[in-house]
Amino acid sequence: MSQPAIIEAFLELQDPRRRAGQRHTLPLCLALFTLAIAAGNKGFLAIGDWILATTKN
């Protein structure tokens, strides 16, 4: 299965985070942040709430 285009758009970026602090890939994080902001969320708490609500299975 191929990755969504929004994740592919961020694949070329280098991840500045230390390896020990990485739970999720940088492209996935950036894609989720971008989608949350595009959905009208402003601020860390609103973005975090949107991501939690959107990704619950």
C-alpha atoms as a PDB file:
ATOM      1  CA  MET A   1       0.000   0.000   0.000  1.00  0.00           C
ATOM      2  CA  SER A   2       1.421   3.383  -0.936  1.00  0.00           C
ATOM      3  CA  GLN A   3       1.672   6.283   1.483  1.00  0.00           C
ATOM      4  CA  PRO A   4      -0.695   9.252   1.289  1.00  0.00           C
ATOM      5  CA  ALA A   5       0.668  12.147  -0.779  1.00  0.00           C
ATOM      6  CA  ILE A   6       0.808  14.462   2.230  1.00  0.00           C
ATOM      7  CA  ILE A   7       3.257  12.120   3.984  1.00  0.00           C
ATOM      8  CA  GLU A   8       5.317  11.735   0.806  1.00  0.00           C
ATOM      9  CA  ALA A   9       5.625  15.529   0.648  1.00  0.00           C
ATOM     10  CA  PHE A  10       7.583  15.480   3.922  1.00  0.00           C
ATOM     11  CA  LEU A  11       9.796  12.431   3.254  1.00  0.00           C
ATOM     12  CA  GLU A  12      12.784  14.452   2.016  1.00  0.00           C
ATOM     13  CA  LEU A  13      13.133  16.447   5.243  1.00  0.00           C
ATOM     14  CA  GLN A  14      15.852  15.455   7.683  1.00  0.00           C
ATOM     15  CA  ASP A  15      14.690  14.752  11.216  1.00  0.00           C
ATOM     16  CA  PRO A  16      16.616  16.922  13.723  1.00  0.00           C
ATOM     17  CA  ARG A  17      15.309  14.992  16.737  1.00  0.00           C
ATOM     18  CA  ARG A  18      17.475  12.615  18.735  1.00  0.00           C
ATOM     19  CA  ARG A  19      16.704   8.982  18.016  1.00  0.00           C
ATOM     20  CA  ALA A  20      15.734   8.306  21.637  1.00  0.00           C
ATOM     21  CA  GLY A  21      12.916  10.862  21.445  1.00  0.00           C
ATOM     22  CA  GLN A  22      11.232   9.498  18.335  1.00  0.00           C
ATOM     23  CA  ARG A  23       7.953   7.636  18.687  1.00  0.00           C
ATOM     24  CA  HIS A  24       6.581   8.561  15.277  1.00  0.00           C
ATOM     25  CA  THR A  25       8.220   9.473  12.003  1.00  0.00           C
ATOM     26  CA  LEU A  26       8.720  13.147  11.199  1.00  0.00           C
ATOM     27  CA  PRO A  27       6.643  12.949   7.976  1.00  0.00           C
ATOM     28  CA  LEU A  28       3.690  11.478   9.898  1.00  0.00           C
ATOM     29  CA  CYS A  29       3.900  14.156  12.598  1.00  0.00           C
ATOM     30  CA  LEU A  30       4.123  16.986  10.078  1.00  0.00           C
ATOM     31  CA  ALA A  31       1.231  15.571   8.052  1.00  0.00           C
ATOM     32  CA  LEU A  32      -0.988  15.339  11.139  1.00  0.00           C
ATOM     33  CA  PHE A  33      -0.057  18.874  12.243  1.00  0.00           C
ATOM     34  CA  THR A  34      -0.771  20.215   8.752  1.00  0.00           C
ATOM     35  CA  LEU A  35      -4.154  18.491   8.570  1.00  0.00           C
ATOM     36  CA  ALA A  36      -5.114  19.678  12.057  1.00  0.00           C
ATOM     37  CA  ILE A  37      -4.306  23.282  11.162  1.00  0.00           C
ATOM     38  CA  ALA A  38      -6.128  22.978   7.823  1.00  0.00           C
ATOM     39  CA  ALA A  39      -9.161  21.759   9.792  1.00  0.00           C
ATOM     40  CA  GLY A  40      -9.150  25.073  11.677  1.00  0.00           C
ATOM     41  CA  ASN A  41      -7.361  24.125  14.881  1.00  0.00           C
ATOM     42  CA  LYS A  42      -5.163  26.753  16.499  1.00  0.00           C
ATOM     43  CA  GLY A  43      -2.749  26.131  19.341  1.00  0.00           C
ATOM     44  CA  PHE A  44      -1.042  23.053  20.705  1.00  0.00           C
ATOM     45  CA  LEU A  45      -3.974  21.832  22.789  1.00  0.00           C
ATOM     46  CA  ALA A  46      -6.503  22.121  19.963  1.00  0.00           C
ATOM     47  CA  ILE A  47      -4.149  20.388  17.539  1.00  0.00           C
ATOM     48  CA  GLY A  48      -3.450  17.609  20.049  1.00  0.00           C
ATOM     49  CA  ASP A  49      -7.159  17.137  20.763  1.00  0.00           C
ATOM     50  CA  TRP A  50      -7.924  16.964  17.033  1.00  0.00           C
ATOM     51  CA  ILE A  51      -5.192  14.384  16.429  1.00  0.00           C
ATOM     52  CA  LEU A  52      -6.421  12.227  19.318  1.00  0.00           C
ATOM     53  CA  ALA A  53     -10.034  12.422  18.152  1.00  0.00           C
ATOM     54  CA  THR A  54      -9.134  11.739  14.523  1.00  0.00           C
ATOM     55  CA  THR A  55      -6.770   8.827  15.075  1.00  0.00           C
ATOM     56  CA  LYS A  56      -8.777   6.839  17.639  1.00  0.00           C
ATOM     57  CA  ASN A  57      -9.721   3.394  16.366  1.00  0.00           C
END
